[in-house]
N, C-alpha and C. Protein backbone atom coordinates (compact mmCIF):
# COMPACT_ATOMS: atom_id res chain seq x y z
N UNK A 1 50.97 -31.51 -70.99
CA UNK A 1 51.28 -29.97 -71.07
C UNK A 1 52.49 -30.02 -71.95
N UNK A 2 52.25 -28.95 -72.95
CA UNK A 2 53.34 -28.70 -73.96
C UNK A 2 54.61 -28.25 -73.42
N UNK A 3 55.51 -28.62 -74.19
CA UNK A 3 56.88 -28.14 -73.91
C UNK A 3 57.13 -26.68 -74.00
N UNK A 4 56.21 -25.99 -74.99
CA UNK A 4 56.04 -24.48 -74.87
C UNK A 4 55.55 -23.86 -73.83
N UNK A 5 54.55 -24.53 -73.30
CA UNK A 5 53.95 -23.84 -71.93
C UNK A 5 54.97 -24.18 -70.85
N UNK A 6 55.72 -25.23 -70.79
CA UNK A 6 56.60 -25.75 -69.66
C UNK A 6 57.89 -24.64 -69.63
N UNK A 7 58.06 -24.32 -71.08
CA UNK A 7 59.37 -23.38 -70.99
C UNK A 7 59.08 -22.03 -70.71
N UNK A 8 57.74 -21.63 -71.02
CA UNK A 8 57.13 -20.17 -71.06
C UNK A 8 57.11 -20.26 -69.34
N UNK A 9 56.71 -21.18 -68.71
CA UNK A 9 56.60 -21.00 -67.24
C UNK A 9 58.01 -21.01 -66.63
N UNK A 10 59.03 -21.59 -67.13
CA UNK A 10 60.38 -21.87 -66.55
C UNK A 10 60.90 -20.40 -66.90
N UNK A 11 60.68 -19.88 -68.24
CA UNK A 11 61.39 -18.42 -68.49
C UNK A 11 60.66 -17.56 -67.73
N UNK A 12 59.48 -17.62 -67.13
CA UNK A 12 58.88 -16.59 -66.14
C UNK A 12 59.69 -16.55 -64.97
N UNK A 13 59.85 -17.77 -64.42
CA UNK A 13 60.54 -17.88 -63.12
C UNK A 13 61.79 -17.43 -63.11
N UNK A 14 62.62 -17.66 -64.47
CA UNK A 14 63.94 -17.27 -64.60
C UNK A 14 63.86 -15.74 -64.48
N UNK A 15 62.96 -14.99 -65.43
CA UNK A 15 62.78 -13.51 -65.64
C UNK A 15 62.52 -12.91 -64.21
N UNK A 16 61.72 -13.72 -63.26
CA UNK A 16 61.35 -13.09 -61.94
C UNK A 16 62.50 -13.06 -61.15
N UNK A 17 63.30 -14.17 -61.38
CA UNK A 17 64.37 -14.41 -60.22
C UNK A 17 65.32 -13.25 -60.61
N UNK A 18 65.55 -13.04 -61.89
CA UNK A 18 66.44 -11.97 -62.21
C UNK A 18 66.13 -10.45 -61.82
N UNK A 19 64.72 -10.43 -62.03
CA UNK A 19 64.11 -9.22 -61.72
C UNK A 19 63.36 -8.55 -60.50
N UNK A 20 63.58 -9.84 -59.53
CA UNK A 20 62.75 -9.48 -58.55
C UNK A 20 63.28 -8.23 -57.79
N UNK A 21 64.46 -8.00 -57.72
CA UNK A 21 64.97 -6.63 -56.84
C UNK A 21 64.39 -5.61 -57.61
N UNK A 22 64.29 -5.53 -58.97
CA UNK A 22 63.66 -4.25 -59.58
C UNK A 22 62.24 -4.40 -59.05
N UNK A 23 61.70 -5.42 -59.17
CA UNK A 23 60.01 -5.48 -58.75
C UNK A 23 60.05 -4.75 -57.26
N UNK A 24 60.80 -5.25 -56.41
CA UNK A 24 60.68 -5.02 -54.89
C UNK A 24 61.14 -3.51 -54.70
N UNK A 25 61.95 -2.91 -55.32
CA UNK A 25 62.68 -1.74 -54.85
C UNK A 25 62.16 -0.41 -55.78
N UNK A 26 61.86 -0.88 -57.27
CA UNK A 26 61.35 0.01 -58.34
C UNK A 26 59.81 0.06 -58.17
N UNK A 27 59.15 -1.10 -58.62
CA UNK A 27 57.85 -1.26 -58.85
C UNK A 27 57.09 -0.88 -57.65
N UNK A 28 57.28 -1.55 -56.40
CA UNK A 28 56.63 -1.44 -55.13
C UNK A 28 56.65 0.22 -54.59
N UNK A 29 58.11 0.64 -54.64
CA UNK A 29 58.53 1.60 -54.13
C UNK A 29 57.80 3.04 -54.96
N UNK A 30 57.90 2.60 -56.17
CA UNK A 30 57.25 3.76 -57.00
C UNK A 30 55.69 3.96 -56.57
N UNK A 31 54.93 2.99 -56.40
CA UNK A 31 53.74 3.41 -55.90
C UNK A 31 53.82 3.55 -54.23
N UNK A 32 54.59 3.19 -53.47
CA UNK A 32 55.10 3.42 -52.34
C UNK A 32 54.12 3.39 -51.23
N UNK A 33 54.62 3.93 -50.08
CA UNK A 33 54.02 3.97 -48.80
C UNK A 33 54.08 5.42 -48.27
N UNK A 34 53.08 6.09 -47.84
CA UNK A 34 52.88 7.56 -47.51
C UNK A 34 53.92 7.98 -46.43
N UNK A 35 53.96 7.24 -45.31
CA UNK A 35 55.31 7.61 -44.41
C UNK A 35 55.53 6.45 -43.48
N UNK A 36 56.53 6.26 -42.70
CA UNK A 36 56.88 5.36 -41.93
C UNK A 36 56.28 5.74 -40.51
N UNK A 37 55.70 4.45 -40.11
CA UNK A 37 55.15 4.68 -38.66
C UNK A 37 55.96 3.80 -37.77
N UNK A 38 56.60 4.52 -36.85
CA UNK A 38 57.73 4.02 -35.87
C UNK A 38 56.99 3.67 -34.66
N UNK A 39 56.91 2.44 -34.41
CA UNK A 39 56.22 2.16 -33.09
C UNK A 39 57.27 1.84 -32.11
N UNK A 40 56.81 1.95 -30.89
CA UNK A 40 57.88 1.63 -29.79
C UNK A 40 58.45 0.35 -29.87
N UNK A 41 59.62 0.07 -29.83
CA UNK A 41 60.28 -1.23 -30.05
C UNK A 41 59.90 -2.29 -29.19
N UNK A 42 59.36 -1.95 -28.11
CA UNK A 42 59.17 -2.94 -26.89
C UNK A 42 57.76 -3.46 -27.28
N UNK A 43 56.90 -2.82 -28.21
CA UNK A 43 55.66 -3.37 -28.80
C UNK A 43 55.68 -3.97 -30.11
N UNK A 44 56.84 -4.07 -30.68
CA UNK A 44 56.81 -4.51 -31.86
C UNK A 44 57.12 -5.76 -32.24
N UNK A 45 56.35 -6.69 -33.04
CA UNK A 45 56.37 -7.98 -33.16
C UNK A 45 57.36 -8.26 -34.42
N UNK A 46 58.36 -9.12 -34.07
CA UNK A 46 59.23 -9.33 -35.31
C UNK A 46 58.48 -9.62 -36.39
N UNK A 47 58.80 -9.08 -37.66
CA UNK A 47 58.57 -9.43 -38.77
C UNK A 47 59.17 -10.54 -39.48
N UNK A 48 58.45 -11.90 -39.75
CA UNK A 48 59.26 -13.11 -39.98
C UNK A 48 58.12 -13.55 -41.05
N UNK A 49 58.56 -13.78 -42.48
CA UNK A 49 57.80 -14.62 -43.20
C UNK A 49 57.88 -16.06 -43.32
N UNK A 50 56.91 -16.68 -43.03
CA UNK A 50 57.07 -18.20 -42.84
C UNK A 50 57.75 -19.02 -44.11
N UNK A 51 57.81 -20.47 -44.00
CA UNK A 51 58.27 -21.24 -44.98
C UNK A 51 56.92 -21.27 -46.03
N UNK A 52 55.84 -21.39 -45.27
CA UNK A 52 54.41 -21.70 -45.97
C UNK A 52 53.60 -21.00 -45.54
N UNK A 53 52.59 -20.67 -46.26
CA UNK A 53 51.35 -19.81 -46.23
C UNK A 53 50.20 -20.44 -46.32
N UNK A 54 48.94 -20.40 -45.60
CA UNK A 54 47.81 -21.17 -45.96
C UNK A 54 47.38 -21.08 -47.12
N UNK A 55 46.83 -22.16 -47.86
CA UNK A 55 46.40 -22.27 -49.45
C UNK A 55 47.65 -22.79 -50.25
N UNK A 56 48.45 -23.41 -49.62
CA UNK A 56 49.36 -24.08 -50.33
C UNK A 56 50.56 -23.11 -51.01
N UNK A 57 50.69 -22.08 -50.33
CA UNK A 57 51.75 -21.31 -50.71
C UNK A 57 53.19 -21.72 -50.22
N UNK A 58 54.13 -21.99 -51.10
CA UNK A 58 55.40 -22.43 -50.42
C UNK A 58 56.65 -21.60 -50.87
N UNK A 59 57.55 -21.32 -49.89
CA UNK A 59 58.48 -20.43 -49.92
C UNK A 59 59.50 -20.79 -51.34
N UNK A 60 59.54 -19.88 -52.55
CA UNK A 60 60.40 -20.22 -53.71
C UNK A 60 61.93 -20.21 -53.22
N UNK A 61 62.11 -20.18 -52.02
CA UNK A 61 63.76 -20.27 -52.10
C UNK A 61 64.08 -21.62 -51.26
N UNK A 62 63.08 -22.46 -51.45
CA UNK A 62 63.15 -23.73 -50.91
C UNK A 62 63.07 -24.66 -52.18
N UNK A 63 64.01 -25.39 -52.73
CA UNK A 63 63.77 -26.29 -53.78
C UNK A 63 62.58 -27.35 -53.82
N UNK A 64 62.53 -27.86 -52.42
CA UNK A 64 61.28 -28.71 -52.21
C UNK A 64 59.90 -28.22 -52.69
N UNK A 65 59.77 -27.05 -52.82
CA UNK A 65 58.62 -26.12 -53.13
C UNK A 65 58.39 -26.60 -54.74
N UNK A 66 59.26 -27.02 -55.42
CA UNK A 66 59.06 -27.44 -56.71
C UNK A 66 59.46 -28.72 -57.17
N UNK A 67 59.56 -29.44 -56.08
CA UNK A 67 60.01 -30.80 -56.39
C UNK A 67 59.16 -31.78 -57.09
N UNK A 68 57.83 -31.55 -57.04
CA UNK A 68 56.84 -32.39 -57.58
C UNK A 68 56.05 -31.94 -58.64
N UNK A 69 56.58 -30.84 -59.29
CA UNK A 69 55.92 -29.81 -60.32
C UNK A 69 56.78 -29.85 -61.46
N UNK A 70 56.21 -29.18 -62.42
CA UNK A 70 56.99 -29.11 -63.73
C UNK A 70 58.26 -28.44 -63.60
N UNK A 71 58.75 -27.71 -62.64
CA UNK A 71 60.01 -26.96 -62.53
C UNK A 71 60.82 -27.68 -61.76
N UNK A 72 60.69 -28.93 -61.57
CA UNK A 72 61.51 -29.78 -60.68
C UNK A 72 62.98 -29.56 -61.13
N UNK A 73 63.12 -29.81 -62.41
CA UNK A 73 64.45 -29.68 -63.07
C UNK A 73 65.23 -28.36 -62.53
N UNK A 74 64.43 -27.39 -62.62
CA UNK A 74 65.01 -26.03 -62.20
C UNK A 74 64.86 -25.58 -60.73
N UNK A 75 64.38 -26.58 -59.99
CA UNK A 75 64.04 -26.16 -58.59
C UNK A 75 65.43 -25.58 -57.75
N UNK A 76 66.73 -26.30 -58.02
CA UNK A 76 67.70 -25.83 -57.14
C UNK A 76 68.14 -24.42 -57.54
N UNK A 77 68.08 -24.39 -59.15
CA UNK A 77 68.51 -22.78 -59.56
C UNK A 77 67.67 -21.83 -59.05
N UNK A 78 66.45 -22.01 -59.25
CA UNK A 78 65.13 -20.96 -58.91
C UNK A 78 65.29 -20.59 -57.45
N UNK A 79 65.46 -21.79 -56.58
CA UNK A 79 65.47 -21.67 -55.04
C UNK A 79 66.91 -20.72 -54.80
N UNK A 80 67.93 -21.07 -55.45
CA UNK A 80 69.05 -20.27 -55.18
C UNK A 80 68.92 -18.87 -55.38
N UNK A 81 68.48 -18.46 -56.57
CA UNK A 81 68.48 -17.00 -57.07
C UNK A 81 67.29 -16.25 -55.99
N UNK A 82 66.17 -17.17 -55.78
CA UNK A 82 65.25 -16.44 -54.87
C UNK A 82 65.62 -16.21 -53.39
N UNK A 83 66.57 -17.03 -52.87
CA UNK A 83 67.12 -17.06 -51.54
C UNK A 83 68.05 -15.67 -51.72
N UNK A 84 68.77 -15.63 -52.82
CA UNK A 84 69.70 -14.34 -52.93
C UNK A 84 69.06 -13.18 -52.98
N UNK A 85 67.82 -13.28 -53.61
CA UNK A 85 67.00 -11.99 -53.79
C UNK A 85 66.23 -11.71 -52.42
N UNK A 86 65.81 -12.66 -51.80
CA UNK A 86 65.20 -12.52 -50.41
C UNK A 86 66.14 -11.79 -49.28
N UNK A 87 67.21 -12.25 -49.24
CA UNK A 87 68.21 -11.77 -48.40
C UNK A 87 68.84 -10.39 -48.88
N UNK A 88 68.71 -10.07 -49.94
CA UNK A 88 69.05 -8.72 -50.50
C UNK A 88 68.03 -7.79 -49.93
N UNK A 89 66.82 -8.15 -50.36
CA UNK A 89 65.63 -7.31 -49.88
C UNK A 89 65.43 -7.12 -48.38
N UNK A 90 65.87 -8.06 -47.76
CA UNK A 90 65.61 -7.82 -46.35
C UNK A 90 66.72 -7.15 -45.80
N UNK A 91 67.90 -6.89 -46.66
CA UNK A 91 68.63 -5.89 -46.08
C UNK A 91 68.43 -4.34 -46.67
N UNK A 92 67.88 -4.23 -47.82
CA UNK A 92 67.72 -3.10 -48.24
C UNK A 92 66.61 -2.30 -47.92
N UNK A 93 65.53 -3.14 -47.74
CA UNK A 93 63.95 -2.57 -47.39
C UNK A 93 64.20 -1.78 -45.98
N UNK A 94 64.55 -2.56 -44.93
CA UNK A 94 64.51 -1.90 -43.52
C UNK A 94 65.53 -0.55 -43.70
N UNK A 95 66.79 -0.67 -44.37
CA UNK A 95 67.64 0.19 -44.46
C UNK A 95 67.08 1.47 -45.11
N UNK A 96 66.60 1.29 -46.16
CA UNK A 96 66.16 2.49 -46.98
C UNK A 96 64.82 3.27 -46.33
N UNK A 97 63.68 2.22 -45.74
CA UNK A 97 62.62 2.67 -45.33
C UNK A 97 62.88 3.19 -43.64
N UNK A 98 63.87 3.01 -43.16
CA UNK A 98 64.00 3.19 -41.61
C UNK A 98 63.11 2.51 -40.76
N UNK A 99 62.30 1.36 -41.04
CA UNK A 99 61.36 0.57 -40.05
C UNK A 99 61.54 -0.92 -40.62
N UNK A 100 61.33 -1.73 -39.87
CA UNK A 100 61.12 -3.12 -40.08
C UNK A 100 60.34 -3.36 -41.23
N UNK A 101 60.96 -4.25 -42.13
CA UNK A 101 60.48 -4.65 -43.27
C UNK A 101 61.07 -5.86 -44.03
N UNK A 102 60.08 -6.87 -44.23
CA UNK A 102 60.57 -8.11 -45.04
C UNK A 102 59.91 -8.52 -46.29
N UNK A 103 60.52 -9.38 -47.22
CA UNK A 103 60.31 -9.56 -48.42
C UNK A 103 60.43 -11.12 -48.60
N UNK A 104 59.58 -11.78 -49.35
CA UNK A 104 59.76 -13.10 -49.74
C UNK A 104 58.96 -13.65 -50.92
N UNK A 105 59.47 -14.56 -51.61
CA UNK A 105 58.61 -14.79 -52.90
C UNK A 105 58.00 -16.54 -52.43
N UNK A 106 57.02 -16.56 -53.25
CA UNK A 106 56.20 -17.99 -52.94
C UNK A 106 55.89 -18.65 -54.16
N UNK A 107 55.64 -19.82 -54.16
CA UNK A 107 55.15 -20.56 -55.55
C UNK A 107 53.80 -21.22 -54.92
N UNK A 108 52.65 -21.33 -55.88
CA UNK A 108 51.56 -22.14 -55.52
C UNK A 108 51.25 -22.83 -56.93
N UNK A 109 50.64 -24.10 -56.64
CA UNK A 109 50.21 -24.82 -57.67
C UNK A 109 51.47 -25.31 -58.67
N UNK A 110 52.81 -25.18 -58.09
CA UNK A 110 54.19 -25.55 -58.69
C UNK A 110 54.72 -24.48 -59.54
N UNK A 111 53.81 -23.66 -59.94
CA UNK A 111 54.41 -22.62 -60.95
C UNK A 111 54.20 -21.07 -60.79
N UNK A 112 52.92 -20.78 -60.18
CA UNK A 112 52.62 -19.51 -60.17
C UNK A 112 53.30 -18.82 -58.86
N UNK A 113 54.13 -17.62 -59.46
CA UNK A 113 54.94 -17.01 -58.37
C UNK A 113 53.88 -15.81 -57.85
N UNK A 114 54.28 -15.71 -56.62
CA UNK A 114 53.57 -14.66 -55.67
C UNK A 114 54.85 -13.93 -54.72
N UNK A 115 54.75 -12.65 -54.68
CA UNK A 115 55.71 -11.69 -53.96
C UNK A 115 54.83 -11.20 -52.78
N UNK A 116 55.72 -11.15 -51.76
CA UNK A 116 55.16 -10.54 -50.63
C UNK A 116 56.09 -9.60 -49.73
N UNK A 117 55.66 -8.52 -49.54
CA UNK A 117 56.40 -7.68 -48.66
C UNK A 117 55.56 -7.18 -47.39
N UNK A 118 56.22 -7.02 -46.30
CA UNK A 118 55.60 -6.79 -45.09
C UNK A 118 56.39 -5.56 -44.51
N UNK A 119 55.76 -4.47 -44.23
CA UNK A 119 56.35 -3.11 -43.63
C UNK A 119 55.64 -2.64 -42.32
N UNK A 120 56.50 -2.08 -41.43
CA UNK A 120 55.84 -1.59 -40.47
C UNK A 120 55.40 -0.34 -40.83
N UNK A 121 54.16 0.07 -41.38
CA UNK A 121 53.91 1.20 -41.92
C UNK A 121 52.32 1.07 -41.98
N UNK A 122 51.76 2.33 -41.95
CA UNK A 122 50.11 2.33 -41.91
C UNK A 122 49.78 2.32 -43.20
N UNK A 123 50.46 2.42 -44.42
CA UNK A 123 49.95 2.08 -45.73
C UNK A 123 49.23 3.30 -46.17
N UNK A 124 48.57 3.12 -47.15
CA UNK A 124 47.73 4.12 -47.72
C UNK A 124 47.84 4.75 -49.05
N UNK A 125 49.02 5.35 -49.30
CA UNK A 125 49.49 6.01 -50.51
C UNK A 125 49.93 4.78 -51.60
N UNK A 126 48.91 4.24 -52.37
CA UNK A 126 49.16 3.06 -53.26
C UNK A 126 48.43 3.21 -54.48
N UNK A 127 49.07 3.42 -55.71
CA UNK A 127 48.42 3.74 -56.95
C UNK A 127 49.67 3.57 -57.99
N UNK A 128 48.99 3.08 -59.14
CA UNK A 128 50.07 2.80 -60.32
C UNK A 128 50.33 4.20 -60.83
N UNK A 129 51.34 4.50 -61.52
CA UNK A 129 52.00 5.73 -62.40
C UNK A 129 50.69 6.39 -63.30
N UNK A 130 50.20 5.26 -63.74
CA UNK A 130 48.78 5.59 -64.87
C UNK A 130 47.80 4.85 -64.66
N UNK A 131 46.59 5.40 -64.54
CA UNK A 131 45.29 4.70 -64.61
C UNK A 131 44.66 4.77 -65.80
N UNK A 132 44.15 3.58 -66.55
CA UNK A 132 43.67 3.70 -67.79
C UNK A 132 42.43 2.64 -67.61
N UNK A 133 41.31 3.09 -67.99
CA UNK A 133 40.09 2.35 -67.94
C UNK A 133 40.22 1.15 -68.97
N UNK A 134 40.36 0.06 -68.73
CA UNK A 134 40.59 -1.01 -69.61
C UNK A 134 39.32 -1.41 -70.53
N UNK A 135 38.34 -1.01 -69.94
CA UNK A 135 37.02 -1.28 -70.67
C UNK A 135 36.75 -0.08 -71.98
N UNK A 136 37.71 0.73 -71.87
CA UNK A 136 37.48 1.76 -73.02
C UNK A 136 38.69 1.77 -74.10
N UNK A 137 39.58 0.80 -74.04
CA UNK A 137 40.72 0.43 -74.98
C UNK A 137 40.58 -0.34 -76.04
N UNK A 138 39.49 -0.96 -76.14
CA UNK A 138 39.07 -1.86 -77.38
C UNK A 138 40.15 -3.19 -77.19
N UNK A 139 40.14 -3.64 -76.07
CA UNK A 139 40.96 -4.83 -75.92
C UNK A 139 42.38 -4.56 -75.86
N UNK A 140 42.98 -3.25 -75.72
CA UNK A 140 44.35 -2.99 -75.89
C UNK A 140 45.01 -3.09 -74.26
N UNK A 141 44.08 -3.35 -73.17
CA UNK A 141 44.38 -3.44 -72.03
C UNK A 141 44.55 -2.15 -71.14
N UNK A 142 44.88 -2.19 -69.98
CA UNK A 142 44.83 -0.90 -69.06
C UNK A 142 45.30 -1.42 -67.63
N UNK A 143 45.37 -0.40 -66.89
CA UNK A 143 45.57 -0.65 -65.26
C UNK A 143 44.49 0.22 -64.61
N UNK A 144 44.00 -0.40 -63.67
CA UNK A 144 43.12 0.42 -62.81
C UNK A 144 43.13 -0.10 -61.38
N UNK A 145 42.16 0.33 -60.48
CA UNK A 145 42.35 0.01 -59.20
C UNK A 145 40.79 -0.45 -58.56
N UNK A 146 40.84 -1.42 -57.73
CA UNK A 146 39.55 -1.72 -57.12
C UNK A 146 39.65 -2.19 -55.64
N UNK A 147 38.56 -2.01 -54.94
CA UNK A 147 38.65 -2.37 -53.37
C UNK A 147 38.06 -3.89 -53.49
N UNK A 148 39.09 -4.65 -52.99
CA UNK A 148 38.92 -6.35 -52.91
C UNK A 148 39.08 -6.52 -51.56
N UNK A 149 37.70 -6.87 -51.04
CA UNK A 149 37.94 -7.25 -49.53
C UNK A 149 38.36 -6.21 -48.46
N UNK A 150 39.44 -6.61 -47.92
CA UNK A 150 40.11 -5.65 -47.01
C UNK A 150 41.32 -4.92 -47.78
N UNK A 151 41.39 -5.20 -49.10
CA UNK A 151 42.69 -4.81 -49.83
C UNK A 151 42.45 -3.71 -50.65
N UNK A 152 43.40 -2.58 -51.15
CA UNK A 152 43.19 -1.71 -52.33
C UNK A 152 44.07 -2.65 -53.19
N UNK A 153 43.56 -2.95 -54.35
CA UNK A 153 44.34 -3.53 -55.46
C UNK A 153 44.48 -2.89 -57.01
N UNK A 154 45.58 -3.02 -57.37
CA UNK A 154 46.07 -2.45 -58.65
C UNK A 154 45.86 -3.78 -59.64
N UNK A 155 44.91 -3.28 -60.55
CA UNK A 155 44.71 -4.67 -61.64
C UNK A 155 45.19 -4.22 -62.95
N UNK A 156 45.99 -5.14 -63.67
CA UNK A 156 46.53 -4.50 -64.84
C UNK A 156 46.15 -5.71 -65.85
N UNK A 157 45.54 -5.13 -66.85
CA UNK A 157 44.77 -6.11 -67.73
C UNK A 157 45.67 -5.78 -69.22
N UNK A 158 45.94 -7.22 -69.88
CA UNK A 158 46.65 -7.40 -71.02
C UNK A 158 45.71 -7.09 -72.24
N UNK A 159 46.38 -7.22 -73.41
CA UNK A 159 45.51 -7.27 -74.65
C UNK A 159 44.64 -8.38 -74.90
N UNK A 160 43.56 -8.34 -75.32
CA UNK A 160 42.48 -9.08 -75.79
C UNK A 160 42.34 -9.05 -76.92
N UNK A 161 42.03 -10.32 -77.80
CA UNK A 161 41.90 -10.49 -79.04
C UNK A 161 40.33 -10.09 -79.39
N UNK A 162 39.31 -10.19 -78.37
CA UNK A 162 37.92 -10.00 -78.57
C UNK A 162 37.37 -8.60 -78.24
N UNK A 163 38.34 -7.89 -77.85
CA UNK A 163 38.08 -6.41 -77.36
C UNK A 163 37.61 -6.06 -75.77
N UNK A 164 37.67 -7.34 -75.18
CA UNK A 164 37.02 -7.17 -74.01
C UNK A 164 38.14 -6.91 -72.89
N UNK A 165 37.98 -6.50 -71.63
CA UNK A 165 38.98 -6.36 -70.89
C UNK A 165 39.44 -8.02 -69.91
N UNK A 166 38.58 -9.07 -70.42
CA UNK A 166 38.97 -10.42 -69.75
C UNK A 166 39.28 -10.13 -68.37
N UNK A 167 40.21 -10.94 -67.82
CA UNK A 167 40.62 -10.99 -66.70
C UNK A 167 41.86 -10.47 -66.47
N UNK A 168 42.34 -9.70 -65.30
CA UNK A 168 43.38 -9.21 -65.05
C UNK A 168 44.77 -10.07 -65.24
N UNK A 169 45.78 -9.52 -66.02
CA UNK A 169 47.03 -10.39 -66.16
C UNK A 169 48.02 -10.16 -64.98
N UNK A 170 47.74 -9.02 -64.14
CA UNK A 170 48.65 -9.02 -62.94
C UNK A 170 47.91 -8.33 -61.80
N UNK A 171 47.79 -8.81 -60.63
CA UNK A 171 47.15 -8.11 -59.60
C UNK A 171 48.26 -7.84 -58.60
N UNK A 172 48.24 -6.64 -57.94
CA UNK A 172 48.82 -6.38 -56.87
C UNK A 172 48.09 -5.63 -55.61
N UNK A 173 48.06 -6.02 -54.46
CA UNK A 173 47.21 -5.72 -53.44
C UNK A 173 47.88 -5.07 -52.18
N UNK A 174 47.35 -4.10 -51.45
CA UNK A 174 47.96 -3.46 -50.17
C UNK A 174 46.85 -3.93 -49.27
N UNK A 175 47.14 -4.36 -48.17
CA UNK A 175 46.31 -4.54 -46.82
C UNK A 175 47.08 -4.04 -45.64
N UNK A 176 46.23 -3.53 -45.04
CA UNK A 176 46.84 -2.61 -43.66
C UNK A 176 46.00 -3.24 -42.52
N UNK A 177 46.54 -3.54 -41.40
CA UNK A 177 46.07 -3.75 -39.80
C UNK A 177 47.14 -3.03 -39.08
N UNK A 178 46.45 -2.03 -38.36
CA UNK A 178 47.29 -1.26 -37.24
C UNK A 178 48.36 -0.59 -38.15
N UNK A 179 49.51 -0.84 -37.62
CA UNK A 179 50.70 -0.25 -38.14
C UNK A 179 51.44 -1.37 -39.02
N UNK A 180 50.88 -2.46 -39.48
CA UNK A 180 51.53 -3.23 -40.40
C UNK A 180 50.72 -3.07 -41.73
N UNK A 181 51.68 -3.41 -42.85
CA UNK A 181 51.05 -3.35 -44.31
C UNK A 181 51.65 -4.21 -44.94
N UNK A 182 50.98 -5.29 -45.78
CA UNK A 182 51.26 -6.12 -46.47
C UNK A 182 51.12 -5.81 -47.97
N UNK A 183 51.98 -5.91 -48.82
CA UNK A 183 51.91 -5.82 -50.19
C UNK A 183 52.24 -7.07 -50.96
N UNK A 184 51.33 -7.49 -51.73
CA UNK A 184 51.39 -8.76 -52.44
C UNK A 184 51.08 -8.79 -53.72
N UNK A 185 51.82 -9.42 -54.66
CA UNK A 185 51.66 -9.42 -56.22
C UNK A 185 51.85 -10.96 -56.96
N UNK A 186 51.06 -11.02 -58.03
CA UNK A 186 51.03 -12.09 -58.70
C UNK A 186 50.62 -11.77 -60.13
N UNK A 187 51.19 -12.57 -61.07
CA UNK A 187 50.59 -12.44 -62.25
C UNK A 187 49.74 -13.65 -62.68
N UNK A 188 49.48 -14.52 -61.64
CA UNK A 188 48.83 -15.85 -61.91
C UNK A 188 47.55 -15.96 -60.85
N UNK A 189 48.03 -15.24 -59.78
CA UNK A 189 46.79 -15.64 -58.55
C UNK A 189 45.69 -14.41 -58.53
N UNK A 190 44.44 -14.59 -58.38
CA UNK A 190 43.52 -13.39 -58.62
C UNK A 190 43.63 -12.70 -57.30
N UNK A 191 42.96 -11.27 -57.45
CA UNK A 191 43.35 -10.41 -56.33
C UNK A 191 42.66 -10.82 -55.13
N UNK A 192 41.48 -11.38 -55.34
CA UNK A 192 40.73 -11.92 -53.79
C UNK A 192 41.54 -12.92 -53.46
N UNK A 193 42.37 -13.82 -53.86
CA UNK A 193 43.22 -14.81 -53.20
C UNK A 193 44.09 -14.12 -52.65
N UNK A 194 44.90 -13.00 -53.24
CA UNK A 194 46.05 -12.44 -52.61
C UNK A 194 45.57 -11.80 -51.32
N UNK A 195 44.42 -11.07 -51.42
CA UNK A 195 43.89 -10.51 -50.38
C UNK A 195 43.82 -11.36 -49.10
N UNK A 196 43.29 -12.61 -49.34
CA UNK A 196 42.93 -13.65 -48.48
C UNK A 196 44.32 -14.02 -47.71
N UNK A 197 45.40 -14.08 -48.54
CA UNK A 197 46.75 -14.51 -47.92
C UNK A 197 47.25 -13.29 -47.09
N UNK A 198 47.04 -12.06 -47.61
CA UNK A 198 47.66 -10.95 -46.94
C UNK A 198 46.65 -10.77 -45.53
N UNK A 199 45.69 -11.06 -45.65
CA UNK A 199 44.91 -11.24 -44.33
C UNK A 199 45.42 -12.29 -43.40
N UNK A 200 45.75 -13.31 -43.75
CA UNK A 200 46.63 -14.32 -42.93
C UNK A 200 47.80 -13.97 -42.39
N UNK A 201 48.31 -13.23 -43.12
CA UNK A 201 49.75 -12.92 -42.75
C UNK A 201 49.66 -11.83 -41.84
N UNK A 202 48.79 -10.94 -41.84
CA UNK A 202 48.48 -9.92 -40.93
C UNK A 202 47.88 -10.48 -39.34
N UNK A 203 47.06 -11.54 -39.70
CA UNK A 203 46.50 -12.14 -38.56
C UNK A 203 47.65 -12.79 -37.66
N UNK A 204 48.60 -13.33 -38.22
CA UNK A 204 49.79 -13.94 -37.59
C UNK A 204 50.71 -13.08 -37.00
N UNK A 205 50.80 -11.62 -37.64
CA UNK A 205 51.76 -10.70 -37.17
C UNK A 205 51.29 -9.78 -36.29
N UNK A 206 49.84 -9.36 -36.47
CA UNK A 206 49.33 -8.20 -35.85
C UNK A 206 48.36 -8.50 -34.71
N UNK A 207 48.47 -8.18 -33.58
CA UNK A 207 47.41 -8.59 -32.39
C UNK A 207 46.16 -7.63 -32.93
N UNK A 208 46.15 -6.64 -33.59
CA UNK A 208 45.21 -5.90 -33.82
C UNK A 208 44.30 -6.16 -34.96
N UNK A 209 44.86 -7.37 -35.88
CA UNK A 209 44.07 -8.01 -37.05
C UNK A 209 42.80 -8.49 -36.72
N UNK A 210 41.84 -8.33 -37.54
CA UNK A 210 40.55 -8.74 -37.28
C UNK A 210 40.26 -10.17 -38.00
């Protein structure tokens, strides 16, 4: 692995750590949720995101999640920043939305960042500010939406040297079961895998999940 690649991944994590609040409070809120669904408190399942998720996803606020990978040297710093962002998000989200909501960041394969938010809401209103067909931009990229499994996903394509749409550079998906909604985003994990993770989270949290 070249030093430039390692440096790029480190910079990505540092940038993500600094910008995660903006991602959580601006990016996701901008596409938003349609309305809050307030269930009876006696029927609510506490929203808690675990330290690990099936598929090798480990909480980024735990330095051990980076211990054996390329970012081991930055493990403590990344984990500290992510823990602070998670704590902040878990305070702000329910306060602003008026409904239970939690957030947490994860890492898979040692370097790939994945961001998860769970809301007690029916979901549904989920779209980017601008939709551009990436197949018509001669490789300049664009943002579109697709149905992926149980999820609705926003797919962002970067520039391509050969003029094709290639693969999405960023995927963000929303999956709902009953009155619970998961929103999950990553620049390195495919949308179908993100939806699988979201399905697993809902299965753990919602008795209505299929």
